[in-house]
């Protein structure tokens, strides 16, 4: 029994190394020297008389028995987290570490600030934010919560999804690019103007537009730059590279300053829904629930009516 805490620490070191994909990556992610992680995993292998990881100067691979051990260890970790969360919830105050996977633009423009304010309010909470490109993907095991933008309703029944906001998008450009684009075009009147593509969309060169008085329409645009980074899309639009589709909250200040103008007022891209995802209600801690509430409150102004 005296060795149990050491065995658990070694087991969690092994889990961290597997999830990070290597000793150096795990050291950087969790702030632990790689040599310490290596010693812990080696001690666990000696205790079990098993090889869990194949590691050479050129290769890192988990053995078959290593994967089975990892799966069992993740179950143990989850159970420990539930027990600790239950104990902390009995005190009524959020505590512990919350890992959040979040699109980069949301992390830098909004979620980071919310996290800082949340930790100031609840000093026993620690938050880890990992940036994503916003695309849907299998839920990352280390993440407790993921923020996922989507144009369509989510269909993964294994996840619990809470709608945070349906944010409005606008077509905008630098003022000098609006010559030749009708101020109030009909569905067939859009020219093929230069544009900045966001690779989140399946076809960045074919834009879906909505209008309160016309049927939904699709227009072809001349993509001059494509990126998965919405901040770069905005910078390209400000520089006059082309027309861009941007969240209203991300371009409103530039519009008010006259650096960007709305293209074809009345026409707009579909709203984007931002969801908070987590594996199950049972696994979400008090910290996670209160953080989602904080996100929803802060994002509410993004759900605005017509410009």
Protein backbone atom coordinates (compact mmCIF):
# COMPACT_ATOMS: atom_id res chain seq x y z
CA UNK A 1 0.00 0.00 0.00
CA UNK A 2 2.91 2.38 0.72
CA UNK A 3 3.90 2.23 -2.96
CA UNK A 4 0.38 2.93 -4.26
CA UNK A 5 0.79 6.73 -4.60
CA UNK A 6 4.02 6.18 -6.55
CA UNK A 7 2.38 3.62 -8.83
CA UNK A 8 -0.52 5.99 -9.49
CA UNK A 9 1.86 8.84 -10.28
CA UNK A 10 3.75 6.59 -12.69
CA UNK A 11 0.52 5.45 -14.31
CA UNK A 12 -0.63 9.05 -14.87
CA UNK A 13 2.80 9.93 -16.27
CA UNK A 14 2.34 7.10 -18.77
CA UNK A 15 -1.13 8.40 -19.71
CA UNK A 16 0.22 11.93 -20.24
CA UNK A 17 3.04 10.67 -22.45
CA UNK A 18 0.68 8.59 -24.59
CA UNK A 19 -1.81 11.44 -25.02
CA UNK A 20 0.91 13.95 -25.90
CA UNK A 21 2.60 11.55 -28.32
CA UNK A 22 6.02 11.56 -26.72
CA UNK A 23 8.10 12.46 -23.68
CA UNK A 24 9.22 15.88 -24.92
CA UNK A 25 5.70 16.83 -26.01
CA UNK A 26 4.26 15.69 -22.66
CA UNK A 27 6.93 17.63 -20.80
CA UNK A 28 6.06 20.80 -22.69
CA UNK A 29 2.31 20.30 -22.25
CA UNK A 30 2.33 19.52 -18.54
CA UNK A 31 5.40 21.43 -17.41
CA UNK A 32 7.31 18.33 -16.26
CA UNK A 33 10.89 17.51 -17.30
CA UNK A 34 10.87 14.73 -19.95
CA UNK A 35 13.55 12.87 -17.99
CA UNK A 36 11.23 12.66 -15.00
CA UNK A 37 8.43 11.27 -17.17
CA UNK A 38 10.80 8.75 -18.71
CA UNK A 39 11.92 7.53 -15.28
CA UNK A 40 8.32 7.21 -14.11
CA UNK A 41 7.28 5.15 -17.15
CA UNK A 42 10.38 2.97 -16.87
CA UNK A 43 9.61 2.32 -13.20
CA UNK A 44 6.04 1.35 -14.11
CA UNK A 45 7.32 -1.05 -16.78
CA UNK A 46 9.68 -2.67 -14.25
CA UNK A 47 6.85 -3.03 -11.75
CA UNK A 48 4.59 -4.66 -14.36
CA UNK A 49 7.39 -6.58 -16.10
CA UNK A 50 5.94 -5.30 -19.38
CA UNK A 51 7.05 -3.08 -22.23
CA UNK A 52 4.49 -0.28 -22.59
CA UNK A 53 6.30 2.03 -24.98
CA UNK A 54 8.89 1.40 -27.70
CA UNK A 55 11.21 4.41 -27.68
CA UNK A 56 14.32 4.99 -29.72
CA UNK A 57 15.97 8.14 -31.04
CA UNK A 58 13.74 7.95 -34.14
CA UNK A 59 10.59 6.19 -32.98
CA UNK A 60 7.90 6.44 -30.33
CA UNK A 61 5.20 3.75 -30.32
CA UNK A 62 2.80 2.28 -27.77
CA UNK A 63 2.75 -1.51 -27.57
CA UNK A 64 -0.47 -3.51 -27.70
CA UNK A 65 -0.38 -4.15 -23.98
CA UNK A 66 0.53 -0.50 -23.54
CA UNK A 67 -2.70 0.56 -25.26
CA UNK A 68 -4.74 -1.77 -23.04
CA UNK A 69 -2.99 -0.36 -19.97
CA UNK A 70 -3.63 3.15 -21.21
CA UNK A 71 -7.38 2.49 -21.64
CA UNK A 72 -7.62 1.08 -18.12
CA UNK A 73 -5.62 4.03 -16.76
CA UNK A 74 -7.91 6.56 -18.45
CA UNK A 75 -10.88 4.88 -16.75
CA UNK A 76 -9.10 5.12 -13.41
CA UNK A 77 -8.28 8.79 -14.01
CA UNK A 78 -11.88 9.58 -14.93
CA UNK A 79 -13.16 7.88 -11.78
CA UNK A 80 -10.69 9.80 -9.62
CA UNK A 81 -11.75 13.06 -11.28
CA UNK A 82 -15.39 12.25 -10.55
CA UNK A 83 -14.64 11.51 -6.90
CA UNK A 84 -12.66 14.73 -6.48
CA UNK A 85 -15.34 16.74 -8.29
CA UNK A 86 -18.03 15.24 -6.08
CA UNK A 87 -16.06 16.17 -2.97
CA UNK A 88 -15.44 19.72 -4.18
CA UNK A 89 -19.06 20.19 -5.29
CA UNK A 90 -20.17 19.36 -1.76
CA UNK A 91 -18.42 22.60 -0.77
CA UNK A 92 -20.31 24.51 -3.48
CA UNK A 93 -17.23 26.18 -5.02
CA UNK A 94 -15.61 25.33 -8.40
CA UNK A 95 -12.14 23.88 -8.11
CA UNK A 96 -9.67 21.73 -10.04
CA UNK A 97 -8.36 21.81 -13.60
CA UNK A 98 -10.63 22.36 -16.61
CA UNK A 99 -9.22 21.59 -20.07
CA UNK A 100 -10.93 23.43 -22.91
CA UNK A 101 -10.43 22.85 -26.65
CA UNK A 102 -11.36 26.03 -28.51
CA UNK A 103 -11.00 27.58 -31.99
CA UNK A 104 -8.00 29.90 -32.06
CA UNK A 105 -9.95 33.07 -32.88
CA UNK A 106 -12.40 32.45 -30.03
CA UNK A 107 -9.54 31.70 -27.64
CA UNK A 108 -7.69 34.91 -28.46
CA UNK A 109 -10.68 37.25 -28.85
CA UNK A 110 -13.08 36.04 -26.16
CA UNK A 111 -12.58 32.77 -24.30
CA UNK A 112 -9.16 33.67 -22.93
CA UNK A 113 -10.57 36.76 -21.25
CA UNK A 114 -13.52 34.82 -19.88
CA UNK A 115 -11.14 32.23 -18.44
CA UNK A 116 -9.02 34.90 -16.74
CA UNK A 117 -12.09 36.50 -15.15
CA UNK A 118 -13.41 33.07 -14.14
CA UNK A 119 -10.16 32.16 -12.36
CA UNK A 120 -10.15 35.53 -10.59
CA UNK A 121 -13.62 34.72 -9.28
CA UNK A 122 -12.73 31.11 -8.40
CA UNK A 123 -9.04 31.08 -7.39
CA UNK A 124 -8.97 27.29 -6.85
CA UNK A 125 -9.67 26.69 -10.56
CA UNK A 126 -7.00 26.11 -13.19
CA UNK A 127 -7.84 26.30 -16.90
CA UNK A 128 -5.92 24.84 -19.83
CA UNK A 129 -6.93 26.17 -23.27
CA UNK A 130 -5.80 24.30 -26.38
CA UNK A 131 -6.40 26.02 -29.71
CA UNK A 132 -8.07 24.23 -32.63
CA UNK A 133 -8.95 25.24 -36.19
CA UNK A 134 -12.66 24.91 -35.47
CA UNK A 135 -13.29 21.79 -37.54
CA UNK A 136 -15.28 18.92 -36.07
CA UNK A 137 -13.08 16.01 -35.01
CA UNK A 138 -13.12 13.13 -32.53
CA UNK A 139 -13.33 14.45 -28.97
CA UNK A 140 -9.85 14.86 -27.51
CA UNK A 141 -9.50 12.72 -24.39
CA UNK A 142 -7.58 15.31 -22.34
CA UNK A 143 -10.27 17.95 -23.00
CA UNK A 144 -13.17 18.24 -20.56
CA UNK A 145 -15.01 20.68 -22.79
CA UNK A 146 -14.82 21.62 -26.47
CA UNK A 147 -16.22 24.66 -28.26
CA UNK A 148 -17.42 23.74 -31.75
CA UNK A 149 -18.76 26.14 -34.42
CA UNK A 150 -21.13 24.59 -36.94
CA UNK A 151 -23.49 25.66 -39.72
CA UNK A 152 -25.54 22.48 -39.29
CA UNK A 153 -27.10 20.85 -36.21
CA UNK A 154 -24.68 18.46 -34.54
CA UNK A 155 -25.52 14.78 -34.94
CA UNK A 156 -23.04 13.00 -32.66
CA UNK A 157 -25.38 11.42 -30.11
CA UNK A 158 -22.46 10.36 -27.89
CA UNK A 159 -21.87 14.01 -26.98
CA UNK A 160 -23.90 16.43 -24.94
CA UNK A 161 -24.19 19.74 -26.80
CA UNK A 162 -25.32 23.07 -25.38
CA UNK A 163 -25.95 25.95 -27.76
CA UNK A 164 -23.99 29.00 -26.63
CA UNK A 165 -24.81 31.49 -29.40
CA UNK A 166 -25.88 31.82 -33.03
CA UNK A 167 -23.51 34.51 -34.22
CA UNK A 168 -24.16 36.69 -37.24
CA UNK A 169 -21.73 36.89 -40.18
CA UNK A 170 -21.33 39.76 -42.65
CA UNK A 171 -19.74 40.22 -46.07
CA UNK A 172 -17.21 43.05 -45.72
CA UNK A 173 -14.38 44.62 -47.67
CA UNK A 174 -12.06 47.60 -47.69
CA UNK A 175 -13.94 50.62 -49.15
CA UNK A 176 -11.92 50.71 -52.38
CA UNK A 177 -13.06 47.20 -53.37
CA UNK A 178 -16.77 47.98 -53.51
CA UNK A 179 -16.72 49.64 -56.94
CA UNK A 180 -18.60 47.41 -59.38
CA UNK A 181 -20.60 45.54 -56.72
CA UNK A 182 -24.27 46.66 -56.79
CA UNK A 183 -25.45 48.23 -53.55
CA UNK A 184 -28.65 46.16 -53.57
CA UNK A 185 -28.04 43.20 -55.89
CA UNK A 186 -30.63 40.57 -56.67
CA UNK A 187 -29.67 36.89 -56.63
CA UNK A 188 -28.41 37.04 -60.24
CA UNK A 189 -26.66 40.40 -60.00
CA UNK A 190 -23.51 39.53 -58.04
CA UNK A 191 -20.27 39.90 -60.01
CA UNK A 192 -17.45 37.42 -59.41
CA UNK A 193 -15.53 39.73 -57.08
CA UNK A 194 -12.11 39.09 -55.49
CA UNK A 195 -12.49 37.39 -52.12
CA UNK A 196 -10.70 35.94 -49.11
CA UNK A 197 -11.58 32.30 -48.48
CA UNK A 198 -11.98 30.64 -45.09
CA UNK A 199 -11.16 26.93 -45.38
CA UNK A 200 -13.64 26.08 -42.60
CA UNK A 201 -16.22 26.10 -45.39
CA UNK A 202 -16.29 23.02 -47.61
CA UNK A 203 -15.99 25.12 -50.77
CA UNK A 204 -14.40 28.51 -49.97
CA UNK A 205 -15.09 29.77 -53.52
CA UNK A 206 -18.87 29.17 -53.38
CA UNK A 207 -20.67 31.36 -50.87
CA UNK A 208 -24.16 30.73 -49.47
CA UNK A 209 -26.12 33.93 -48.86
CA UNK A 210 -29.44 34.75 -47.26
CA UNK A 211 -31.78 37.73 -47.72
CA UNK A 212 -35.06 38.56 -45.94
CA UNK A 213 -36.83 39.27 -49.26
CA UNK A 214 -35.12 36.81 -51.62
CA UNK A 215 -34.61 33.07 -51.64
CA UNK A 216 -31.27 31.79 -50.40
CA UNK A 217 -28.62 32.03 -53.09
CA UNK A 218 -25.11 30.78 -53.89
CA UNK A 219 -22.53 32.98 -55.59
CA UNK A 220 -19.12 32.17 -57.05
CA UNK A 221 -16.23 34.38 -55.95
CA UNK A 222 -12.64 34.80 -57.09
CA UNK A 223 -10.57 33.53 -54.16
CA UNK A 224 -7.23 35.32 -53.89
CA UNK A 225 -6.20 34.01 -50.45
CA UNK A 226 -7.42 31.02 -48.46
CA UNK A 227 -6.67 30.36 -44.80
CA UNK A 228 -8.05 28.53 -41.78
CA UNK A 229 -7.31 31.56 -39.57
CA UNK A 230 -10.18 34.05 -39.22
CA UNK A 231 -7.85 36.72 -37.85
CA UNK A 232 -5.83 36.49 -41.06
CA UNK A 233 -9.06 36.66 -43.09
CA UNK A 234 -9.83 39.95 -41.33
CA UNK A 235 -6.33 41.31 -41.92
CA UNK A 236 -6.54 40.43 -45.62
CA UNK A 237 -9.90 42.17 -45.90
CA UNK A 238 -8.51 45.29 -44.19
CA UNK A 239 -5.58 45.26 -46.62
CA UNK A 240 -7.91 45.20 -49.61
CA UNK A 241 -7.12 41.66 -50.75
CA UNK A 242 -10.80 40.83 -51.24
CA UNK A 243 -14.28 40.61 -49.80
CA UNK A 244 -14.49 38.44 -46.67
CA UNK A 245 -17.12 36.65 -44.62
CA UNK A 246 -16.53 37.55 -40.97
CA UNK A 247 -18.41 37.30 -37.67
CA UNK A 248 -20.02 40.66 -36.96
CA UNK A 249 -18.30 40.81 -33.58
CA UNK A 250 -14.91 40.46 -35.31
CA UNK A 251 -15.41 43.27 -37.83
CA UNK A 252 -17.82 45.70 -36.09
CA UNK A 253 -15.07 47.98 -34.79
CA UNK A 254 -13.45 48.27 -38.23
CA UNK A 255 -16.86 49.01 -39.78
CA UNK A 256 -17.52 51.78 -37.27
CA UNK A 257 -14.05 53.23 -38.01
CA UNK A 258 -14.69 53.16 -41.77
CA UNK A 259 -11.89 50.69 -42.46
CA UNK A 260 -14.38 48.05 -43.62
CA UNK A 261 -17.78 48.37 -45.24
CA UNK A 262 -20.63 45.91 -45.51
CA UNK A 263 -20.94 44.51 -49.02
CA UNK A 264 -24.49 44.24 -50.43
CA UNK A 265 -26.42 45.14 -47.24
CA UNK A 266 -29.33 42.78 -46.69
CA UNK A 267 -27.38 39.78 -47.95
CA UNK A 268 -25.46 37.83 -45.33
CA UNK A 269 -23.89 34.41 -44.82
CA UNK A 270 -25.82 31.93 -42.63
CA UNK A 271 -25.42 32.32 -38.89
CA UNK A 272 -22.85 30.10 -37.23
CA UNK A 273 -23.89 28.22 -34.09
CA UNK A 274 -21.26 27.77 -31.41
CA UNK A 275 -21.78 24.71 -29.21
CA UNK A 276 -20.22 23.61 -25.94
CA UNK A 277 -19.58 19.86 -26.13
CA UNK A 278 -18.72 17.34 -23.46
CA UNK A 279 -18.84 13.52 -23.35
CA UNK A 280 -21.66 13.11 -20.83
CA UNK A 281 -23.55 15.05 -18.19
CA UNK A 282 -22.16 12.82 -15.47
CA UNK A 283 -18.57 13.66 -16.40
CA UNK A 284 -19.03 17.46 -16.37
CA UNK A 285 -17.92 18.96 -13.08
CA UNK A 286 -19.31 21.95 -11.24
CA UNK A 287 -16.38 23.93 -12.66
CA UNK A 288 -17.31 22.89 -16.19
CA UNK A 289 -20.98 23.76 -15.74
CA UNK A 290 -20.26 27.19 -14.30
CA UNK A 291 -17.68 27.91 -17.01
CA UNK A 292 -20.26 27.08 -19.70
CA UNK A 293 -22.67 29.48 -17.98
CA UNK A 294 -19.97 32.17 -18.07
CA UNK A 295 -19.36 31.51 -21.77
CA UNK A 296 -23.06 31.73 -22.60
CA UNK A 297 -23.44 35.01 -20.70
CA UNK A 298 -20.39 36.58 -22.39
CA UNK A 299 -21.39 35.41 -25.88
CA UNK A 300 -25.02 36.55 -25.65
CA UNK A 301 -24.27 39.96 -27.27
CA UNK A 302 -22.97 38.11 -30.36
CA UNK A 303 -26.54 36.93 -31.09
CA UNK A 304 -27.70 40.20 -32.62
CA UNK A 305 -30.41 41.16 -35.04
CA UNK A 306 -30.03 43.04 -38.28
CA UNK A 307 -27.18 45.51 -38.67
